[in-house]
Amino acid sequence: EQGLSPVVVKGIMCRNLYSDGDCRFSTDEDLFVSEEDFEQY
């Protein structure tokens, strides 16, 4: 909504591969952004 669109790696992207993603445990989520936009994020 703020015009930002970070790239998701691992985490929920991997959980989406399973028939019941909530059974694939992960403690955190990972977002990949450009170094130039890092402070904005």
Full PDB file with SEQRES, HELIX, SHEET, SSBOND, CRYST1, ORIGX, SCALE, CONECT and MASTER records, all heavy atoms in Angstrom:
SEQRES   1 A   41  GLU GLN GLY LEU SER PRO VAL VAL VAL LYS GLY ILE MET          
SEQRES   2 A   41  CYS ARG ASN LEU TYR SER ASP GLY ASP CYS ARG PHE SER          
SEQRES   3 A   41  THR ASP GLU ASP LEU PHE VAL SER GLU GLU ASP PHE GLU          
SEQRES   4 A   41  GLN TYR                                                      
HELIX    1 AA1 GLY A   11  ARG A   15  1                                   5    
HELIX    2 AA2 GLY A   21  CYS A   23  5                                   3    
SHEET    1 AA1 2 VAL A   7  VAL A   9  0                                        
SHEET    2 AA1 2 ASP A  30  PHE A  32 -1                                        
CRYST1    1.000    1.000    1.000  90.00  90.00  90.00 P 1           1          
ORIGX1      1.000000  0.000000  0.000000        0.00000                         
ORIGX2      0.000000  1.000000  0.000000        0.00000                         
ORIGX3      0.000000  0.000000  1.000000        0.00000                         
SCALE1      1.000000  0.000000  0.000000        0.00000                         
SCALE2      0.000000  1.000000  0.000000        0.00000                         
SCALE3      0.000000  0.000000  1.000000        0.00000                         
ATOM      1  N   GLU A   1       0.829  -1.210   0.000  1.00  0.00           N  
ATOM      2  CA  GLU A   1       0.000   0.000   0.000  1.00  0.00           C  
ATOM      3  C   GLU A   1       0.862   1.258   0.000  1.00  0.00           C  
ATOM      4  O   GLU A   1       0.424   2.320  -0.445  1.00  0.00           O  
ATOM      5  CB  GLU A   1      -0.914   0.005   1.221  1.00  0.00           C  
ATOM      6  CG  GLU A   1      -2.064  -1.008   1.129  1.00  0.00           C  
ATOM      7  CD  GLU A   1      -2.795  -1.184   2.447  1.00  0.00           C  
ATOM      8  OE1 GLU A   1      -2.456  -0.457   3.411  1.00  0.00           O  
ATOM      9  OE2 GLU A   1      -3.689  -2.048   2.526  1.00  0.00           O  
ATOM     10  N   GLN A   2       2.106   1.133   0.478  1.00  0.00           N  
ATOM     11  CA  GLN A   2       3.031   2.268   0.482  1.00  0.00           C  
ATOM     12  C   GLN A   2       3.875   2.316  -0.789  1.00  0.00           C  
ATOM     13  O   GLN A   2       4.815   3.099  -0.890  1.00  0.00           O  
ATOM     14  CB  GLN A   2       3.965   2.177   1.700  1.00  0.00           C  
ATOM     15  CG  GLN A   2       3.250   2.247   3.039  1.00  0.00           C  
ATOM     16  CD  GLN A   2       4.220   2.132   4.202  1.00  0.00           C  
ATOM     17  OE1 GLN A   2       5.248   2.821   4.237  1.00  0.00           O  
ATOM     18  NE2 GLN A   2       3.920   1.273   5.156  1.00  0.00           N  
ATOM     19  N   GLY A   3       3.543   1.442  -1.746  1.00  0.00           N  
ATOM     20  CA  GLY A   3       4.289   1.427  -2.996  1.00  0.00           C  
ATOM     21  C   GLY A   3       5.561   0.602  -2.937  1.00  0.00           C  
ATOM     22  O   GLY A   3       6.400   0.672  -3.845  1.00  0.00           O  
ATOM     23  N   LEU A   4       5.716  -0.203  -1.895  1.00  0.00           N  
ATOM     24  CA  LEU A   4       6.899  -1.045  -1.740  1.00  0.00           C  
ATOM     25  C   LEU A   4       6.555  -2.483  -2.130  1.00  0.00           C  
ATOM     26  O   LEU A   4       5.438  -2.935  -1.922  1.00  0.00           O  
ATOM     27  CB  LEU A   4       7.396  -1.016  -0.291  1.00  0.00           C  
ATOM     28  CG  LEU A   4       7.764   0.375   0.255  1.00  0.00           C  
ATOM     29  CD1 LEU A   4       8.066   0.307   1.749  1.00  0.00           C  
ATOM     30  CD2 LEU A   4       8.967   0.939  -0.495  1.00  0.00           C  
ATOM     31  N   SER A   5       7.523  -3.180  -2.683  1.00  0.00           N  
ATOM     32  CA  SER A   5       7.261  -4.574  -3.080  1.00  0.00           C  
ATOM     33  C   SER A   5       8.528  -5.404  -2.890  1.00  0.00           C  
ATOM     34  O   SER A   5       9.234  -5.720  -3.845  1.00  0.00           O  
ATOM     35  CB  SER A   5       6.800  -4.653  -4.534  1.00  0.00           C  
ATOM     36  OG  SER A   5       7.742  -4.003  -5.379  1.00  0.00           O  
ATOM     37  N   PRO A   6       8.827  -5.766  -1.646  1.00  0.00           N  
ATOM     38  CA  PRO A   6      10.026  -6.561  -1.372  1.00  0.00           C  
ATOM     39  C   PRO A   6       9.894  -7.969  -1.943  1.00  0.00           C  
ATOM     40  O   PRO A   6       8.790  -8.482  -2.132  1.00  0.00           O  
ATOM     41  CB  PRO A   6      10.077  -6.600   0.161  1.00  0.00           C  
ATOM     42  CG  PRO A   6       8.659  -6.417   0.590  1.00  0.00           C  
ATOM     43  CD  PRO A   6       8.050  -5.493  -0.423  1.00  0.00           C  
ATOM     44  N   VAL A   7      11.024  -8.589  -2.212  1.00  0.00           N  
ATOM     45  CA  VAL A   7      11.051  -9.941  -2.766  1.00  0.00           C  
ATOM     46  C   VAL A   7      11.140 -10.945  -1.616  1.00  0.00           C  
ATOM     47  O   VAL A   7      12.030 -10.876  -0.777  1.00  0.00           O  
ATOM     48  CB  VAL A   7      12.250 -10.107  -3.728  1.00  0.00           C  
ATOM     49  CG1 VAL A   7      12.410 -11.563  -4.152  1.00  0.00           C  
ATOM     50  CG2 VAL A   7      12.056  -9.221  -4.949  1.00  0.00           C  
ATOM     51  N   VAL A   8      10.200 -11.873  -1.577  1.00  0.00           N  
ATOM     52  CA  VAL A   8      10.149 -12.886  -0.529  1.00  0.00           C  
ATOM     53  C   VAL A   8      11.021 -14.073  -0.923  1.00  0.00           C  
ATOM     54  O   VAL A   8      10.918 -14.585  -2.036  1.00  0.00           O  
ATOM     55  CB  VAL A   8       8.704 -13.372  -0.297  1.00  0.00           C  
ATOM     56  CG1 VAL A   8       8.664 -14.476   0.753  1.00  0.00           C  
ATOM     57  CG2 VAL A   8       7.814 -12.211   0.113  1.00  0.00           C  
ATOM     58  N   VAL A   9      11.908 -14.474  -0.022  1.00  0.00           N  
ATOM     59  CA  VAL A   9      12.699 -15.693  -0.235  1.00  0.00           C  
ATOM     60  C   VAL A   9      12.496 -16.616   0.964  1.00  0.00           C  
ATOM     61  O   VAL A   9      12.274 -16.165   2.083  1.00  0.00           O  
ATOM     62  CB  VAL A   9      14.206 -15.380  -0.426  1.00  0.00           C  
ATOM     63  CG1 VAL A   9      14.443 -14.648  -1.732  1.00  0.00           C  
ATOM     64  CG2 VAL A   9      14.770 -14.570   0.740  1.00  0.00           C  
ATOM     65  N   LYS A  10      12.553 -17.928   0.700  1.00  0.00           N  
ATOM     66  CA  LYS A  10      12.344 -18.950   1.746  1.00  0.00           C  
ATOM     67  C   LYS A  10      10.990 -18.741   2.444  1.00  0.00           C  
ATOM     68  O   LYS A  10      10.045 -18.262   1.837  1.00  0.00           O  
ATOM     69  CB  LYS A  10      13.493 -18.927   2.749  1.00  0.00           C  
ATOM     70  CG  LYS A  10      14.861 -19.202   2.149  1.00  0.00           C  
ATOM     71  CD  LYS A  10      15.917 -19.276   3.242  1.00  0.00           C  
ATOM     72  CE  LYS A  10      16.047 -17.980   4.010  1.00  0.00           C  
ATOM     73  NZ  LYS A  10      16.928 -18.058   5.172  1.00  0.00           N  
ATOM     74  N   GLY A  11      10.904 -19.089   3.718  1.00  0.00           N  
ATOM     75  CA  GLY A  11       9.721 -18.842   4.523  1.00  0.00           C  
ATOM     76  C   GLY A  11       8.415 -19.223   3.868  1.00  0.00           C  
ATOM     77  O   GLY A  11       8.206 -20.364   3.456  1.00  0.00           O  
ATOM     78  N   ILE A  12       7.534 -18.244   3.740  1.00  0.00           N  
ATOM     79  CA  ILE A  12       6.188 -18.507   3.232  1.00  0.00           C  
ATOM     80  C   ILE A  12       6.204 -18.981   1.779  1.00  0.00           C  
ATOM     81  O   ILE A  12       5.318 -19.713   1.346  1.00  0.00           O  
ATOM     82  CB  ILE A  12       5.303 -17.249   3.396  1.00  0.00           C  
ATOM     83  CG1 ILE A  12       3.821 -17.645   3.375  1.00  0.00           C  
ATOM     84  CG2 ILE A  12       5.624 -16.188   2.357  1.00  0.00           C  
ATOM     85  CD1 ILE A  12       2.901 -16.547   3.875  1.00  0.00           C  
ATOM     86  N   MET A  13       7.239 -18.600   1.039  1.00  0.00           N  
ATOM     87  CA  MET A  13       7.370 -19.084  -0.333  1.00  0.00           C  
ATOM     88  C   MET A  13       7.577 -20.600  -0.337  1.00  0.00           C  
ATOM     89  O   MET A  13       6.999 -21.324  -1.155  1.00  0.00           O  
ATOM     90  CB  MET A  13       8.541 -18.370  -1.023  1.00  0.00           C  
ATOM     91  CG  MET A  13       8.680 -18.666  -2.508  1.00  0.00           C  
ATOM     92  SD  MET A  13       9.539 -20.216  -2.893  1.00  0.00           S  
ATOM     93  CE  MET A  13      11.161 -19.890  -2.214  1.00  0.00           C  
ATOM     94  N   CYS A  14       8.378 -21.100   0.598  1.00  0.00           N  
ATOM     95  CA  CYS A  14       8.586 -22.547   0.712  1.00  0.00           C  
ATOM     96  C   CYS A  14       7.348 -23.237   1.274  1.00  0.00           C  
ATOM     97  O   CYS A  14       6.969 -24.319   0.809  1.00  0.00           O  
ATOM     98  CB  CYS A  14       9.794 -22.834   1.599  1.00  0.00           C  
ATOM     99  SG  CYS A  14      11.390 -22.450   0.841  1.00  0.00           S  
ATOM    100  N   ARG A  15       6.712 -22.637   2.256  1.00  0.00           N  
ATOM    101  CA  ARG A  15       5.516 -23.254   2.842  1.00  0.00           C  
ATOM    102  C   ARG A  15       4.429 -23.447   1.789  1.00  0.00           C  
ATOM    103  O   ARG A  15       3.636 -24.379   1.863  1.00  0.00           O  
ATOM    104  CB  ARG A  15       4.986 -22.416   4.010  1.00  0.00           C  
ATOM    105  CG  ARG A  15       5.931 -22.371   5.200  1.00  0.00           C  
ATOM    106  CD  ARG A  15       5.212 -21.964   6.476  1.00  0.00           C  
ATOM    107  NE  ARG A  15       4.622 -20.641   6.413  1.00  0.00           N  
ATOM    108  CZ  ARG A  15       5.275 -19.502   6.566  1.00  0.00           C  
ATOM    109  NH1 ARG A  15       6.584 -19.510   6.799  1.00  0.00           N  
ATOM    110  NH2 ARG A  15       4.652 -18.336   6.515  1.00  0.00           N  
ATOM    111  N   ASN A  16       4.408 -22.566   0.811  1.00  0.00           N  
ATOM    112  CA  ASN A  16       3.400 -22.645  -0.241  1.00  0.00           C  
ATOM    113  C   ASN A  16       3.571 -23.880  -1.128  1.00  0.00           C  
ATOM    114  O   ASN A  16       2.679 -24.227  -1.895  1.00  0.00           O  
ATOM    115  CB  ASN A  16       3.466 -21.375  -1.097  1.00  0.00           C  
ATOM    116  CG  ASN A  16       2.256 -21.191  -1.974  1.00  0.00           C  
ATOM    117  OD1 ASN A  16       1.119 -21.250  -1.502  1.00  0.00           O  
ATOM    118  ND2 ASN A  16       2.481 -20.978  -3.259  1.00  0.00           N  
ATOM    119  N   LEU A  17       4.706 -24.568  -1.002  1.00  0.00           N  
ATOM    120  CA  LEU A  17       4.970 -25.764  -1.805  1.00  0.00           C  
ATOM    121  C   LEU A  17       4.270 -26.995  -1.248  1.00  0.00           C  
ATOM    122  O   LEU A  17       4.100 -27.991  -1.954  1.00  0.00           O  
ATOM    123  CB  LEU A  17       6.482 -26.045  -1.845  1.00  0.00           C  
ATOM    124  CG  LEU A  17       7.381 -24.965  -2.449  1.00  0.00           C  
ATOM    125  CD1 LEU A  17       8.835 -25.272  -2.135  1.00  0.00           C  
ATOM    126  CD2 LEU A  17       7.164 -24.864  -3.956  1.00  0.00           C  
ATOM    127  N   TYR A  18       3.868 -26.937   0.014  1.00  0.00           N  
ATOM    128  CA  TYR A  18       3.339 -28.113   0.702  1.00  0.00           C  
ATOM    129  C   TYR A  18       1.817 -28.116   0.677  1.00  0.00           C  
ATOM    130  O   TYR A  18       1.173 -27.065   0.611  1.00  0.00           O  
ATOM    131  CB  TYR A  18       3.841 -28.138   2.147  1.00  0.00           C  
ATOM    132  CG  TYR A  18       5.346 -28.275   2.252  1.00  0.00           C  
ATOM    133  CD1 TYR A  18       6.190 -27.176   2.077  1.00  0.00           C  
ATOM    134  CD2 TYR A  18       5.937 -29.511   2.515  1.00  0.00           C  
ATOM    135  CE1 TYR A  18       7.573 -27.301   2.163  1.00  0.00           C  
ATOM    136  CE2 TYR A  18       7.311 -29.644   2.611  1.00  0.00           C  
ATOM    137  CZ  TYR A  18       8.127 -28.537   2.426  1.00  0.00           C  
ATOM    138  OH  TYR A  18       9.500 -28.659   2.515  1.00  0.00           O  
ATOM    139  N   SER A  19       1.238 -29.323   0.752  1.00  0.00           N  
ATOM    140  CA  SER A  19      -0.218 -29.441   0.716  1.00  0.00           C  
ATOM    141  C   SER A  19      -0.864 -28.717   1.890  1.00  0.00           C  
ATOM    142  O   SER A  19      -1.965 -28.175   1.769  1.00  0.00           O  
ATOM    143  CB  SER A  19      -0.635 -30.913   0.709  1.00  0.00           C  
ATOM    144  OG  SER A  19      -0.106 -31.596   1.823  1.00  0.00           O  
ATOM    145  N   ASP A  20      -0.195 -28.710   3.044  1.00  0.00           N  
ATOM    146  CA  ASP A  20      -0.645 -27.923   4.196  1.00  0.00           C  
ATOM    147  C   ASP A  20       0.539 -27.104   4.677  1.00  0.00           C  
ATOM    148  O   ASP A  20       1.341 -27.550   5.500  1.00  0.00           O  
ATOM    149  CB  ASP A  20      -1.160 -28.837   5.315  1.00  0.00           C  
ATOM    150  CG  ASP A  20      -1.797 -28.045   6.460  1.00  0.00           C  
ATOM    151  OD1 ASP A  20      -1.660 -26.803   6.474  1.00  0.00           O  
ATOM    152  OD2 ASP A  20      -2.422 -28.665   7.326  1.00  0.00           O  
ATOM    153  N   GLY A  21       0.651 -25.905   4.126  1.00  0.00           N  
ATOM    154  CA  GLY A  21       1.830 -25.078   4.380  1.00  0.00           C  
ATOM    155  C   GLY A  21       2.066 -24.741   5.831  1.00  0.00           C  
ATOM    156  O   GLY A  21       3.212 -24.534   6.254  1.00  0.00           O  
ATOM    157  N   ASP A  22       1.000 -24.664   6.634  1.00  0.00           N  
ATOM    158  CA  ASP A  22       1.174 -24.305   8.039  1.00  0.00           C  
ATOM    159  C   ASP A  22       1.826 -25.424   8.845  1.00  0.00           C  
ATOM    160  O   ASP A  22       2.205 -25.214   9.996  1.00  0.00           O  
ATOM    161  CB  ASP A  22      -0.172 -23.927   8.662  1.00  0.00           C  
ATOM    162  CG  ASP A  22      -0.697 -22.614   8.102  1.00  0.00           C  
ATOM    163  OD1 ASP A  22       0.092 -21.663   8.018  1.00  0.00           O  
ATOM    164  OD2 ASP A  22      -1.878 -22.545   7.732  1.00  0.00           O  
ATOM    165  N   CYS A  23       1.952 -26.596   8.235  1.00  0.00           N  
ATOM    166  CA  CYS A  23       2.668 -27.695   8.896  1.00  0.00           C  
ATOM    167  C   CYS A  23       4.170 -27.634   8.616  1.00  0.00           C  
ATOM    168  O   CYS A  23       4.942 -28.369   9.228  1.00  0.00           O  
ATOM    169  CB  CYS A  23       2.121 -29.042   8.432  1.00  0.00           C  
ATOM    170  SG  CYS A  23       0.498 -29.425   9.120  1.00  0.00           S  
ATOM    171  N   ARG A  24       4.567 -26.777   7.677  1.00  0.00           N  
ATOM    172  CA  ARG A  24       6.004 -26.595   7.413  1.00  0.00           C  
ATOM    173  C   ARG A  24       6.486 -25.451   8.299  1.00  0.00           C  
ATOM    174  O   ARG A  24       6.231 -24.281   8.040  1.00  0.00           O  
ATOM    175  CB  ARG A  24       6.223 -26.299   5.923  1.00  0.00           C  
ATOM    176  CG  ARG A  24       7.695 -26.366   5.467  1.00  0.00           C  
ATOM    177  CD  ARG A  24       8.414 -25.107   5.789  1.00  0.00           C  
ATOM    178  NE  ARG A  24       9.737 -25.017   5.185  1.00  0.00           N  
ATOM    179  CZ  ARG A  24      10.643 -24.131   5.560  1.00  0.00           C  
ATOM    180  NH1 ARG A  24      10.379 -23.283   6.549  1.00  0.00           N  
ATOM    181  NH2 ARG A  24      11.799 -24.089   4.963  1.00  0.00           N  
ATOM    182  N   PHE A  25       7.198 -25.790   9.351  1.00  0.00           N  
ATOM    183  CA  PHE A  25       7.587 -24.844  10.396  1.00  0.00           C  
ATOM    184  C   PHE A  25       8.659 -23.869   9.900  1.00  0.00           C  
ATOM    185  O   PHE A  25       9.612 -24.262   9.236  1.00  0.00           O  
ATOM    186  CB  PHE A  25       8.122 -25.634  11.589  1.00  0.00           C  
ATOM    187  CG  PHE A  25       8.566 -24.797  12.753  1.00  0.00           C  
ATOM    188  CD1 PHE A  25       7.642 -24.360  13.685  1.00  0.00           C  
ATOM    189  CD2 PHE A  25       9.896 -24.455  12.927  1.00  0.00           C  
ATOM    190  CE1 PHE A  25       8.045 -23.588  14.767  1.00  0.00           C  
ATOM    191  CE2 PHE A  25      10.308 -23.688  14.006  1.00  0.00           C  
ATOM    192  CZ  PHE A  25       9.380 -23.259  14.930  1.00  0.00           C  
ATOM    193  N   SER A  26       8.494 -22.577  10.202  1.00  0.00           N  
ATOM    194  CA  SER A  26       9.566 -21.598   9.999  1.00  0.00           C  
ATOM    195  C   SER A  26       9.392 -20.468  11.001  1.00  0.00           C  
ATOM    196  O   SER A  26       8.272 -20.011  11.241  1.00  0.00           O  
ATOM    197  CB  SER A  26       9.586 -21.059   8.566  1.00  0.00           C  
ATOM    198  OG  SER A  26       8.345 -20.536   8.188  1.00  0.00           O  
ATOM    199  N   THR A  27      10.484 -20.047  11.580  1.00  0.00           N  
ATOM    200  CA  THR A  27      10.413 -19.070  12.676  1.00  0.00           C  
ATOM    201  C   THR A  27      10.361 -17.634  12.195  1.00  0.00           C  
ATOM    202  O   THR A  27       9.933 -16.745  12.936  1.00  0.00           O  
ATOM    203  CB  THR A  27      11.628 -19.216  13.608  1.00  0.00           C  
ATOM    204  OG1 THR A  27      12.832 -19.085  12.829  1.00  0.00           O  
ATOM    205  CG2 THR A  27      11.623 -20.564  14.309  1.00  0.00           C  
ATOM    206  N   ASP A  28      10.823 -17.378  10.960  1.00  0.00           N  
ATOM    207  CA  ASP A  28      10.851 -15.991  10.488  1.00  0.00           C  
ATOM    208  C   ASP A  28      10.582 -15.936   8.992  1.00  0.00           C  
ATOM    209  O   ASP A  28      10.443 -16.958   8.331  1.00  0.00           O  
ATOM    210  CB  ASP A  28      12.197 -15.327  10.819  1.00  0.00           C  
ATOM    211  CG  ASP A  28      13.384 -16.121  10.284  1.00  0.00           C  
ATOM    212  OD1 ASP A  28      13.248 -16.751   9.215  1.00  0.00           O  
ATOM    213  OD2 ASP A  28      14.443 -16.128  10.920  1.00  0.00           O  
ATOM    214  N   GLU A  29      10.499 -14.724   8.481  1.00  0.00           N  
ATOM    215  CA  GLU A  29      10.320 -14.494   7.051  1.00  0.00           C  
ATOM    216  C   GLU A  29      11.508 -13.684   6.538  1.00  0.00           C  
ATOM    217  O   GLU A  29      12.081 -12.876   7.277  1.00  0.00           O  
ATOM    218  CB  GLU A  29       9.019 -13.741   6.776  1.00  0.00           C  
ATOM    219  CG  GLU A  29       7.767 -14.462   7.231  1.00  0.00           C  
ATOM    220  CD  GLU A  29       7.479 -15.732   6.467  1.00  0.00           C  
ATOM    221  OE1 GLU A  29       8.003 -15.894   5.342  1.00  0.00           O  
ATOM    222  OE2 GLU A  29       6.729 -16.578   6.987  1.00  0.00           O  
ATOM    223  N   ASP A  30      11.879 -13.905   5.280  1.00  0.00           N  
ATOM    224  CA  ASP A  30      13.029 -13.225   4.692  1.00  0.00           C  
ATOM    225  C   ASP A  30      12.601 -12.375   3.503  1.00  0.00           C  
ATOM    226  O   ASP A  30      11.903 -12.863   2.598  1.00  0.00           O  
ATOM    227  CB  ASP A  30      14.063 -14.255   4.230  1.00  0.00           C  
ATOM    228  CG  ASP A  30      14.666 -15.023   5.389  1.00  0.00           C  
ATOM    229  OD1 ASP A  30      14.035 -15.995   5.851  1.00  0.00           O  
ATOM    230  OD2 ASP A  30      15.766 -14.652   5.831  1.00  0.00           O  
ATOM    231  N   LEU A  31      13.032 -11.119   3.515  1.00  0.00           N  
ATOM    232  CA  LEU A  31      12.735 -10.197   2.422  1.00  0.00           C  
ATOM    233  C   LEU A  31      14.040  -9.692   1.825  1.00  0.00           C  
ATOM    234  O   LEU A  31      14.975  -9.329   2.552  1.00  0.00           O  
ATOM    235  CB  LEU A  31      11.904  -9.012   2.933  1.00  0.00           C  
ATOM    236  CG  LEU A  31      10.518  -9.327   3.504  1.00  0.00           C  
ATOM    237  CD1 LEU A  31       9.860  -8.052   4.003  1.00  0.00           C  
ATOM    238  CD2 LEU A  31       9.640 -10.007   2.457  1.00  0.00           C  
ATOM    239  N   PHE A  32      14.100  -9.637   0.513  1.00  0.00           N  
ATOM    240  CA  PHE A  32      15.275  -9.199  -0.227  1.00  0.00           C  
ATOM    241  C   PHE A  32      14.938  -7.895  -0.942  1.00  0.00           C  
ATOM    242  O   PHE A  32      13.974  -7.827  -1.703  1.00  0.00           O  
ATOM    243  CB  PHE A  32      15.654 -10.300  -1.222  1.00  0.00           C  
ATOM    244  CG  PHE A  32      16.844 -10.005  -2.091  1.00  0.00           C  
ATOM    245  CD1 PHE A  32      17.901  -9.217  -1.654  1.00  0.00           C  
ATOM    246  CD2 PHE A  32      16.920 -10.556  -3.380  1.00  0.00           C  
ATOM    247  CE1 PHE A  32      19.002  -8.978  -2.462  1.00  0.00           C  
ATOM    248  CE2 PHE A  32      18.003 -10.317  -4.191  1.00  0.00           C  
ATOM    249  CZ  PHE A  32      19.048  -9.524  -3.738  1.00  0.00           C  
ATOM    250  N   VAL A  33      15.731  -6.846  -0.648  1.00  0.00           N  
ATOM    251  CA  VAL A  33      15.500  -5.534  -1.261  1.00  0.00           C  
ATOM    252  C   VAL A  33      16.847  -4.993  -1.747  1.00  0.00           C  
ATOM    253  O   VAL A  33      17.899  -5.492  -1.365  1.00  0.00           O  
ATOM    254  CB  VAL A  33      14.855  -4.543  -0.268  1.00  0.00           C  
ATOM    255  CG1 VAL A  33      13.532  -5.084   0.255  1.00  0.00           C  
ATOM    256  CG2 VAL A  33      15.780  -4.232   0.900  1.00  0.00           C  
ATOM    257  N   SER A  34      16.799  -3.957  -2.557  1.00  0.00           N  
ATOM    258  CA  SER A  34      18.048  -3.374  -3.041  1.00  0.00           C  
ATOM    259  C   SER A  34      18.731  -2.599  -1.918  1.00  0.00           C  
ATOM    260  O   SER A  34      18.087  -2.113  -0.986  1.00  0.00           O  
ATOM    261  CB  SER A  34      17.788  -2.445  -4.228  1.00  0.00           C  
ATOM    262  OG  SER A  34      17.089  -1.287  -3.799  1.00  0.00           O  
ATOM    263  N   GLU A  35      20.036  -2.487  -2.034  1.00  0.00           N  
ATOM    264  CA  GLU A  35      20.796  -1.749  -1.018  1.00  0.00           C  
ATOM    265  C   GLU A  35      20.357  -0.285  -0.989  1.00  0.00           C  
ATOM    266  O   GLU A  35      20.318   0.337   0.083  1.00  0.00           O  
ATOM    267  CB  GLU A  35      22.294  -1.856  -1.318  1.00  0.00           C  
ATOM    268  CG  GLU A  35      23.178  -1.386  -0.179  1.00  0.00           C  
ATOM    269  CD  GLU A  35      24.623  -1.814  -0.344  1.00  0.00           C  
ATOM    270  OE1 GLU A  35      24.955  -2.489  -1.340  1.00  0.00           O  
ATOM    271  OE2 GLU A  35      25.437  -1.456   0.529  1.00  0.00           O  
ATOM    272  N   GLU A  36      19.987   0.262  -2.152  1.00  0.00           N  
ATOM    273  CA  GLU A  36      19.564   1.667  -2.230  1.00  0.00           C  
ATOM    274  C   GLU A  36      18.249   1.897  -1.474  1.00  0.00           C  
ATOM    275  O   GLU A  36      18.033   2.972  -0.905  1.00  0.00           O  
ATOM    276  CB  GLU A  36      19.381   2.083  -3.690  1.00  0.00           C  
ATOM    277  CG  GLU A  36      20.648   2.096  -4.525  1.00  0.00           C  
ATOM    278  CD  GLU A  36      21.105   0.704  -4.946  1.00  0.00           C  
ATOM    279  OE1 GLU A  36      20.268  -0.234  -4.910  1.00  0.00           O  
ATOM    280  OE2 GLU A  36      22.294   0.549  -5.284  1.00  0.00           O  
ATOM    281  N   ASP A  37      17.384   0.901  -1.461  1.00  0.00           N  
ATOM    282  CA  ASP A  37      16.070   1.048  -0.819  1.00  0.00           C  
ATOM    283  C   ASP A  37      16.053   0.567   0.632  1.00  0.00           C  
ATOM    284  O   ASP A  37      15.013   0.651   1.292  1.00  0.00           O  
ATOM    285  CB  ASP A  37      15.016   0.254  -1.599  1.00  0.00           C  
ATOM    286  CG  ASP A  37      14.776   0.818  -2.989  1.00  0.00           C  
ATOM    287  OD1 ASP A  37      15.080   2.006  -3.196  1.00  0.00           O  
ATOM    288  OD2 ASP A  37      14.306   0.066  -3.861  1.00  0.00           O  
ATOM    289  N   PHE A  38      17.174   0.074   1.115  1.00  0.00           N  
ATOM    290  CA  PHE A  38      17.208  -0.584   2.427  1.00  0.00           C  
ATOM    291  C   PHE A  38      16.730   0.344   3.543  1.00  0.00           C  
ATOM    292  O   PHE A  38      15.885  -0.033   4.370  1.00  0.00           O  
ATOM    293  CB  PHE A  38      18.629  -1.083   2.708  1.00  0.00           C  
ATOM    294  CG  PHE A  38      18.728  -2.027   3.878  1.00  0.00           C  
ATOM    295  CD1 PHE A  38      18.326  -3.346   3.749  1.00  0.00           C  
ATOM    296  CD2 PHE A  38      19.211  -1.591   5.100  1.00  0.00           C  
ATOM    297  CE1 PHE A  38      18.416  -4.222   4.819  1.00  0.00           C  
ATOM    298  CE2 PHE A  38      19.305  -2.458   6.172  1.00  0.00           C  
ATOM    299  CZ  PHE A  38      18.909  -3.779   6.031  1.00  0.00           C  
ATOM    300  N   GLU A  39      17.235   1.563   3.572  1.00  0.00           N  
ATOM    301  CA  GLU A  39      16.861   2.508   4.636  1.00  0.00           C  
ATOM    302  C   GLU A  39      15.382   2.871   4.556  1.00  0.00           C  
ATOM    303  O   GLU A  39      14.720   3.050   5.583  1.00  0.00           O  
ATOM    304  CB  GLU A  39      17.730   3.773   4.550  1.00  0.00           C  
ATOM    305  CG  GLU A  39      19.189   3.552   4.920  1.00  0.00           C  
ATOM    306  CD  GLU A  39      19.367   3.051   6.344  1.00  0.00           C  
ATOM    307  OE1 GLU A  39      18.605   3.509   7.240  1.00  0.00           O  
ATOM    308  OE2 GLU A  39      20.250   2.220   6.573  1.00  0.00           O  
ATOM    309  N   GLN A  40      14.869   2.977   3.344  1.00  0.00           N  
ATOM    310  CA  GLN A  40      13.444   3.274   3.165  1.00  0.00           C  
ATOM    311  C   GLN A  40      12.588   2.163   3.775  1.00  0.00           C  
ATOM    312  O   GLN A  40      11.569   2.425   4.423  1.00  0.00           O  
ATOM    313  CB  GLN A  40      13.127   3.434   1.677  1.00  0.00           C  
ATOM    314  CG  GLN A  40      11.668   3.807   1.401  1.00  0.00           C  
ATOM    315  CD  GLN A  40      11.361   3.907  -0.085  1.00  0.00           C  
ATOM    316  OE1 GLN A  40      12.238   3.727  -0.937  1.00  0.00           O  
ATOM    317  NE2 GLN A  40      10.114   4.189  -0.406  1.00  0.00           N  
ATOM    318  N   TYR A  41      13.029   0.937   3.592  1.00  0.00           N  
ATOM    319  CA  TYR A  41      12.294  -0.197   4.169  1.00  0.00           C  
ATOM    320  C   TYR A  41      12.380  -0.184   5.698  1.00  0.00           C  
ATOM    321  O   TYR A  41      11.393  -0.489   6.379  1.00  0.00           O  
ATOM    322  CB  TYR A  41      12.826  -1.519   3.616  1.00  0.00           C  
ATOM    323  CG  TYR A  41      12.174  -1.911   2.310  1.00  0.00           C  
ATOM    324  CD1 TYR A  41      12.779  -1.619   1.094  1.00  0.00           C  
ATOM    325  CD2 TYR A  41      10.946  -2.562   2.291  1.00  0.00           C  
ATOM    326  CE1 TYR A  41      12.184  -1.978  -0.115  1.00  0.00           C  
ATOM    327  CE2 TYR A  41      10.337  -2.927   1.102  1.00  0.00           C  
ATOM    328  CZ  TYR A  41      10.965  -2.627  -0.102  1.00  0.00           C  
ATOM    329  OH  TYR A  41      10.366  -2.972  -1.280  1.00  0.00           O  
TER     330      TYR A  41                                                      
MASTER        0    0    0    2    2    0    0    6  329    1    0    4          
END                                                                             
